[in-house]
PDB file of N, CA and C in Angstrom:
ATOM      1  N   MET A   1      11.462 -22.942   0.487  1.00  0.00           N
ATOM      2  CA  MET A   1      11.645 -21.654  -0.138  1.00  0.00           C
ATOM      3  C   MET A   1      10.553 -21.387  -1.171  1.00  0.00           C
ATOM      4  N   LYS A   2      10.221 -22.408  -1.969  1.00  0.00           N
ATOM      5  CA  LYS A   2       9.182 -22.235  -2.973  1.00  0.00           C
ATOM      6  C   LYS A   2       7.839 -21.933  -2.320  1.00  0.00           C
ATOM      7  N   LYS A   3       7.597 -22.544  -1.177  1.00  0.00           N
ATOM      8  CA  LYS A   3       6.334 -22.330  -0.479  1.00  0.00           C
ATOM      9  C   LYS A   3       6.205 -20.878  -0.028  1.00  0.00           C
ATOM     10  N   ILE A   4       7.287 -20.303   0.451  1.00  0.00           N
ATOM     11  CA  ILE A   4       7.269 -18.902   0.885  1.00  0.00           C
ATOM     12  C   ILE A   4       7.023 -17.982  -0.303  1.00  0.00           C
ATOM     13  N   LEU A   5       7.654 -18.259  -1.444  1.00  0.00           N
ATOM     14  CA  LEU A   5       7.451 -17.434  -2.634  1.00  0.00           C
ATOM     15  C   LEU A   5       6.019 -17.514  -3.139  1.00  0.00           C
ATOM     16  N   ILE A   6       5.446 -18.697  -3.133  1.00  0.00           N
ATOM     17  CA  ILE A   6       4.064 -18.866  -3.592  1.00  0.00           C
ATOM     18  C   ILE A   6       3.104 -18.136  -2.671  1.00  0.00           C
ATOM     19  N   ILE A   7       3.310 -18.253  -1.367  1.00  0.00           N
ATOM     20  CA  ILE A   7       2.445 -17.564  -0.409  1.00  0.00           C
ATOM     21  C   ILE A   7       2.574 -16.049  -0.573  1.00  0.00           C
ATOM     22  N   SER A   8       3.792 -15.554  -0.772  1.00  0.00           N
ATOM     23  CA  SER A   8       4.004 -14.119  -0.963  1.00  0.00           C
ATOM     24  C   SER A   8       3.312 -13.629  -2.225  1.00  0.00           C
ATOM     25  N   ALA A   9       3.440 -14.388  -3.307  1.00  0.00           N
ATOM     26  CA  ALA A   9       2.821 -13.986  -4.567  1.00  0.00           C
ATOM     27  C   ALA A   9       1.300 -13.980  -4.458  1.00  0.00           C
ATOM     28  N   LEU A  10       0.739 -14.981  -3.809  1.00  0.00           N
ATOM     29  CA  LEU A  10      -0.717 -15.044  -3.660  1.00  0.00           C
ATOM     30  C   LEU A  10      -1.244 -13.970  -2.723  1.00  0.00           C
ATOM     31  N   SER A  11      -0.454 -13.568  -1.735  1.00  0.00           N
ATOM     32  CA  SER A  11      -0.916 -12.523  -0.822  1.00  0.00           C
ATOM     33  C   SER A  11      -0.870 -11.148  -1.476  1.00  0.00           C
ATOM     34  N   LEU A  12       0.019 -10.953  -2.457  1.00  0.00           N
ATOM     35  CA  LEU A  12       0.113  -9.669  -3.144  1.00  0.00           C
ATOM     36  C   LEU A  12      -0.822  -9.570  -4.340  1.00  0.00           C
ATOM     37  N   LEU A  13      -1.385 -10.664  -4.772  1.00  0.00           N
ATOM     38  CA  LEU A  13      -2.254 -10.669  -5.936  1.00  0.00           C
ATOM     39  C   LEU A  13      -3.465  -9.745  -5.810  1.00  0.00           C
ATOM     40  N   PRO A  14      -4.206  -9.739  -4.693  1.00  0.00           N
ATOM     41  CA  PRO A  14      -5.360  -8.852  -4.602  1.00  0.00           C
ATOM     42  C   PRO A  14      -4.995  -7.366  -4.616  1.00  0.00           C
ATOM     43  N   LEU A  15      -3.775  -7.008  -4.229  1.00  0.00           N
ATOM     44  CA  LEU A  15      -3.373  -5.609  -4.213  1.00  0.00           C
ATOM     45  C   LEU A  15      -3.339  -5.001  -5.610  1.00  0.00           C
ATOM     46  N   SER A  16      -3.031  -5.788  -6.624  1.00  0.00           N
ATOM     47  CA  SER A  16      -2.965  -5.254  -7.978  1.00  0.00           C
ATOM     48  C   SER A  16      -4.342  -4.812  -8.454  1.00  0.00           C
ATOM     49  N   GLN A  17      -5.397  -5.485  -8.041  1.00  0.00           N
ATOM     50  CA  GLN A  17      -6.736  -5.083  -8.443  1.00  0.00           C
ATOM     51  C   GLN A  17      -7.153  -3.796  -7.749  1.00  0.00           C
ATOM     52  N   VAL A  18      -6.739  -3.598  -6.521  1.00  0.00           N
ATOM     53  CA  VAL A  18      -7.085  -2.390  -5.780  1.00  0.00           C
ATOM     54  C   VAL A  18      -6.384  -1.182  -6.388  1.00  0.00           C
ATOM     55  N   ASN A  19      -5.120  -1.323  -6.761  1.00  0.00           N
ATOM     56  CA  ASN A  19      -4.361  -0.213  -7.319  1.00  0.00           C
ATOM     57  C   ASN A  19      -4.731   0.066  -8.771  1.00  0.00           C
ATOM     58  N   ALA A  20      -5.283  -0.883  -9.475  1.00  0.00           N
ATOM     59  CA  ALA A  20      -5.596  -0.705 -10.884  1.00  0.00           C
ATOM     60  C   ALA A  20      -6.711   0.301 -11.110  1.00  0.00           C
ATOM     61  N   GLN A  21      -7.558   0.537 -10.131  1.00  0.00           N
ATOM     62  CA  GLN A  21      -8.647   1.471 -10.331  1.00  0.00           C
ATOM     63  C   GLN A  21      -8.151   2.907 -10.439  1.00  0.00           C
ATOM     64  N   GLY A  22      -6.951   3.203  -9.972  1.00  0.00           N
ATOM     65  CA  GLY A  22      -6.405   4.548 -10.089  1.00  0.00           C
ATOM     66  C   GLY A  22      -6.134   4.937 -11.530  1.00  0.00           C
ATOM     67  N   CYS A  23      -5.867   3.965 -12.372  1.00  0.00           N
ATOM     68  CA  CYS A  23      -5.585   4.260 -13.774  1.00  0.00           C
ATOM     69  C   CYS A  23      -6.800   4.880 -14.470  1.00  0.00           C
ATOM     70  N   SER A  24      -7.989   4.400 -14.179  1.00  0.00           N
ATOM     71  CA  SER A  24      -9.166   4.963 -14.815  1.00  0.00           C
ATOM     72  C   SER A  24      -9.420   6.389 -14.331  1.00  0.00           C
ATOM     73  N   VAL A  25      -9.086   6.670 -13.079  1.00  0.00           N
ATOM     74  CA  VAL A  25      -9.238   8.026 -12.560  1.00  0.00           C
ATOM     75  C   VAL A  25      -8.271   8.962 -13.271  1.00  0.00           C
ATOM     76  N   CYS A  26      -7.022   8.531 -13.458  1.00  0.00           N
ATOM     77  CA  CYS A  26      -6.041   9.351 -14.170  1.00  0.00           C
ATOM     78  C   CYS A  26      -6.459   9.579 -15.618  1.00  0.00           C
ATOM     79  N   THR A  27      -7.018   8.564 -16.250  1.00  0.00           N
ATOM     80  CA  THR A  27      -7.459   8.697 -17.637  1.00  0.00           C
ATOM     81  C   THR A  27      -8.589   9.711 -17.747  1.00  0.00           C
ATOM     82  N   LYS A  28      -9.568   9.629 -16.864  1.00  0.00           N
ATOM     83  CA  LYS A  28     -10.682  10.583 -16.893  1.00  0.00           C
ATOM     84  C   LYS A  28     -10.179  12.002 -16.617  1.00  0.00           C
ATOM     85  N   THR A  29      -9.229  12.137 -15.693  1.00  0.00           N
ATOM     86  CA  THR A  29      -8.681  13.456 -15.384  1.00  0.00           C
ATOM     87  C   THR A  29      -7.907  14.007 -16.571  1.00  0.00           C
ATOM     88  N   ALA A  30      -7.099  13.174 -17.206  1.00  0.00           N
ATOM     89  CA  ALA A  30      -6.280  13.622 -18.331  1.00  0.00           C
ATOM     90  C   ALA A  30      -7.129  13.997 -19.540  1.00  0.00           C
ATOM     91  N   GLN A  31      -8.275  13.378 -19.701  1.00  0.00           N
ATOM     92  CA  GLN A  31      -9.138  13.711 -20.838  1.00  0.00           C
ATOM     93  C   GLN A  31      -9.679  15.134 -20.733  1.00  0.00           C
ATOM     94  N   GLY A  32      -9.853  15.617 -19.511  1.00  0.00           N
ATOM     95  CA  GLY A  32     -10.390  16.952 -19.327  1.00  0.00           C
ATOM     96  C   GLY A  32      -9.332  18.041 -19.284  1.00  0.00           C
ATOM     97  N   LEU A  33      -8.057  17.700 -19.418  1.00  0.00           N
ATOM     98  CA  LEU A  33      -6.978  18.679 -19.337  1.00  0.00           C
ATOM     99  C   LEU A  33      -6.563  19.159 -20.716  1.00  0.00           C
ATOM    100  N   ASP A  34      -5.954  20.346 -20.746  1.00  0.00           N
ATOM    101  CA  ASP A  34      -5.378  20.796 -22.010  1.00  0.00           C
ATOM    102  C   ASP A  34      -4.046  20.068 -22.228  1.00  0.00           C
ATOM    103  N   SER A  35      -3.412  20.289 -23.358  1.00  0.00           N
ATOM    104  CA  SER A  35      -2.220  19.504 -23.710  1.00  0.00           C
ATOM    105  C   SER A  35      -1.052  19.788 -22.773  1.00  0.00           C
ATOM    106  N   LYS A  36      -0.905  21.031 -22.308  1.00  0.00           N
ATOM    107  CA  LYS A  36       0.213  21.352 -21.414  1.00  0.00           C
ATOM    108  C   LYS A  36       0.057  20.652 -20.069  1.00  0.00           C
ATOM    109  N   SER A  37      -1.130  20.653 -19.529  1.00  0.00           N
ATOM    110  CA  SER A  37      -1.371  19.985 -18.252  1.00  0.00           C
ATOM    111  C   SER A  37      -1.260  18.467 -18.387  1.00  0.00           C
ATOM    112  N   ALA A  38      -1.711  17.924 -19.513  1.00  0.00           N
ATOM    113  CA  ALA A  38      -1.608  16.482 -19.740  1.00  0.00           C
ATOM    114  C   ALA A  38      -0.142  16.064 -19.840  1.00  0.00           C
ATOM    115  N   ARG A  39       0.678  16.887 -20.486  1.00  0.00           N
ATOM    116  CA  ARG A  39       2.109  16.586 -20.553  1.00  0.00           C
ATOM    117  C   ARG A  39       2.737  16.638 -19.170  1.00  0.00           C
ATOM    118  N   GLY A  40       2.294  17.575 -18.340  1.00  0.00           N
ATOM    119  CA  GLY A  40       2.781  17.643 -16.966  1.00  0.00           C
ATOM    120  C   GLY A  40       2.397  16.416 -16.165  1.00  0.00           C
ATOM    121  N   LEU A  41       1.161  15.932 -16.358  1.00  0.00           N
ATOM    122  CA  LEU A  41       0.713  14.717 -15.678  1.00  0.00           C
ATOM    123  C   LEU A  41       1.544  13.516 -16.117  1.00  0.00           C
ATOM    124  N   ASN A  42       1.788  13.398 -17.412  1.00  0.00           N
ATOM    125  CA  ASN A  42       2.613  12.297 -17.918  1.00  0.00           C
ATOM    126  C   ASN A  42       4.042  12.394 -17.390  1.00  0.00           C
ATOM    127  N   GLY A  43       4.579  13.599 -17.320  1.00  0.00           N
ATOM    128  CA  GLY A  43       5.924  13.788 -16.775  1.00  0.00           C
ATOM    129  C   GLY A  43       5.997  13.392 -15.308  1.00  0.00           C
ATOM    130  N   GLY A  44       4.955  13.715 -14.549  1.00  0.00           N
ATOM    131  CA  GLY A  44       4.912  13.334 -13.140  1.00  0.00           C
ATOM    132  C   GLY A  44       4.846  11.833 -12.957  1.00  0.00           C
ATOM    133  N   ILE A  45       4.094  11.169 -13.810  1.00  0.00           N
ATOM    134  CA  ILE A  45       4.014   9.704 -13.741  1.00  0.00           C
ATOM    135  C   ILE A  45       5.373   9.082 -14.033  1.00  0.00           C
ATOM    136  N   LEU A  46       6.063   9.595 -15.052  1.00  0.00           N
ATOM    137  CA  LEU A  46       7.393   9.076 -15.374  1.00  0.00           C
ATOM    138  C   LEU A  46       8.389   9.371 -14.258  1.00  0.00           C
ATOM    139  N   TYR A  47       8.276  10.535 -13.640  1.00  0.00           N
ATOM    140  CA  TYR A  47       9.156  10.898 -12.533  1.00  0.00           C
ATOM    141  C   TYR A  47       8.966   9.944 -11.355  1.00  0.00           C
ATOM    142  N   LEU A  48       7.717   9.630 -11.031  1.00  0.00           N
ATOM    143  CA  LEU A  48       7.442   8.717  -9.927  1.00  0.00           C
ATOM    144  C   LEU A  48       7.845   7.275 -10.252  1.00  0.00           C
ATOM    145  N   ALA A  49       7.816   6.905 -11.524  1.00  0.00           N
ATOM    146  CA  ALA A  49       8.159   5.538 -11.916  1.00  0.00           C
ATOM    147  C   ALA A  49       9.670   5.328 -12.024  1.00  0.00           C
ATOM    148  N   PHE A  50      10.438   6.418 -12.146  1.00  0.00           N
ATOM    149  CA  PHE A  50      11.875   6.288 -12.387  1.00  0.00           C
ATOM    150  C   PHE A  50      12.604   5.615 -11.232  1.00  0.00           C
ATOM    151  N   LEU A  51      12.327   5.981 -10.004  1.00  0.00           N
ATOM    152  CA  LEU A  51      13.066   5.439  -8.861  1.00  0.00           C
ATOM    153  C   LEU A  51      12.878   3.928  -8.706  1.00  0.00           C
ATOM    154  N   PRO A  52      11.641   3.407  -8.660  1.00  0.00           N
ATOM    155  CA  PRO A  52      11.527   1.944  -8.525  1.00  0.00           C
ATOM    156  C   PRO A  52      12.089   1.189  -9.729  1.00  0.00           C
ATOM    157  N   LEU A  53      11.895   1.720 -10.942  1.00  0.00           N
ATOM    158  CA  LEU A  53      12.442   1.048 -12.121  1.00  0.00           C
ATOM    159  C   LEU A  53      13.960   1.097 -12.123  1.00  0.00           C
ATOM    160  N   GLY A  54      14.519   2.200 -11.667  1.00  0.00           N
ATOM    161  CA  GLY A  54      15.977   2.302 -11.574  1.00  0.00           C
ATOM    162  C   GLY A  54      16.550   1.337 -10.557  1.00  0.00           C
ATOM    163  N   ILE A  55      15.882   1.198  -9.429  1.00  0.00           N
ATOM    164  CA  ILE A  55      16.347   0.257  -8.403  1.00  0.00           C
ATOM    165  C   ILE A  55      16.267  -1.173  -8.924  1.00  0.00           C
ATOM    166  N   MET A  56      15.143  -1.526  -9.547  1.00  0.00           N
ATOM    167  CA  MET A  56      15.003  -2.887 -10.080  1.00  0.00           C
ATOM    168  C   MET A  56      16.011  -3.146 -11.192  1.00  0.00           C
ATOM    169  N   GLY A  57      16.255  -2.168 -12.036  1.00  0.00           N
ATOM    170  CA  GLY A  57      17.237  -2.336 -13.107  1.00  0.00           C
ATOM    171  C   GLY A  57      18.646  -2.509 -12.570  1.00  0.00           C
ATOM    172  N   THR A  58      18.997  -1.731 -11.552  1.00  0.00           N
ATOM    173  CA  THR A  58      20.319  -1.848 -10.948  1.00  0.00           C
ATOM    174  C   THR A  58      20.502  -3.209 -10.285  1.00  0.00           C
ATOM    175  N   LEU A  59      19.499  -3.642  -9.532  1.00  0.00           N
ATOM    176  CA  LEU A  59      19.591  -4.959  -8.896  1.00  0.00           C
ATOM    177  C   LEU A  59      19.664  -6.074  -9.932  1.00  0.00           C
ATOM    178  N   GLY A  60      18.885  -5.957 -11.003  1.00  0.00           N
ATOM    179  CA  GLY A  60      18.939  -6.952 -12.067  1.00  0.00           C
ATOM    180  C   GLY A  60      20.293  -6.992 -12.751  1.00  0.00           C
ATOM    181  N   PHE A  61      20.878  -5.820 -12.984  1.00  0.00           N
ATOM    182  CA  PHE A  61      22.202  -5.776 -13.603  1.00  0.00           C
ATOM    183  C   PHE A  61      23.259  -6.389 -12.693  1.00  0.00           C
ATOM    184  N   LEU A  62      23.201  -6.047 -11.407  1.00  0.00           N
ATOM    185  CA  LEU A  62      24.163  -6.608 -10.468  1.00  0.00           C
ATOM    186  C   LEU A  62      24.014  -8.120 -10.351  1.00  0.00           C
ATOM    187  N   TRP A  63      22.761  -8.598 -10.349  1.00  0.00           N
ATOM    188  CA  TRP A  63      22.526 -10.036 -10.291  1.00  0.00           C
ATOM    189  C   TRP A  63      23.076 -10.722 -11.549  1.00  0.00           C
ATOM    190  N   TRP A  64      22.820 -10.126 -12.709  1.00  0.00           N
ATOM    191  CA  TRP A  64      23.296 -10.685 -13.978  1.00  0.00           C
ATOM    192  C   TRP A  64      24.822 -10.705 -14.012  1.00  0.00           C
ATOM    193  N   ARG A  65      25.440  -9.627 -13.555  1.00  0.00           N
ATOM    194  CA  ARG A  65      26.906  -9.530 -13.572  1.00  0.00           C
ATOM    195  C   ARG A  65      27.516 -10.554 -12.610  1.00  0.00           C
ATOM    196  N   HIS A  66      26.871 -10.753 -11.469  1.00  0.00           N
ATOM    197  CA  HIS A  66      27.392 -11.712 -10.492  1.00  0.00           C
ATOM    198  C   HIS A  66      27.271 -13.151 -11.015  1.00  0.00           C
ATOM    199  N   ASN A  67      26.187 -13.468 -11.710  1.00  0.00           N
ATOM    200  CA  ASN A  67      25.960 -14.834 -12.196  1.00  0.00           C
ATOM    201  C   ASN A  67      26.602 -15.107 -13.559  1.00  0.00           C
ATOM    202  N   LYS A  68      27.161 -14.069 -14.179  1.00  0.00           N
ATOM    203  CA  LYS A  68      27.772 -14.230 -15.493  1.00  0.00           C
ATOM    204  C   LYS A  68      29.008 -15.115 -15.431  1.00  0.00           C
ATOM    205  N   SER A  69      29.747 -15.043 -14.367  1.00  0.00           N
ATOM    206  CA  SER A  69      31.010 -15.811 -14.277  1.00  0.00           C
ATOM    207  C   SER A  69      30.831 -17.248 -13.857  1.00  0.00           C
TER     208      SER A  69
END
């Protein structure tokens, strides 16, 4: 089981570097926007982040509740 987890983690490691370049593009775009558009961009980022964070939080809570007893 540990071997599968290590292989999975190592295979996903390069993906974080590929996705990280999008942050600099968003930063450059946000610098050229007025405050209303920048707030809209930030709101969109939070909207897109809510679903995966909510799923992970729910699974974590259920796991914690199951292992509490």
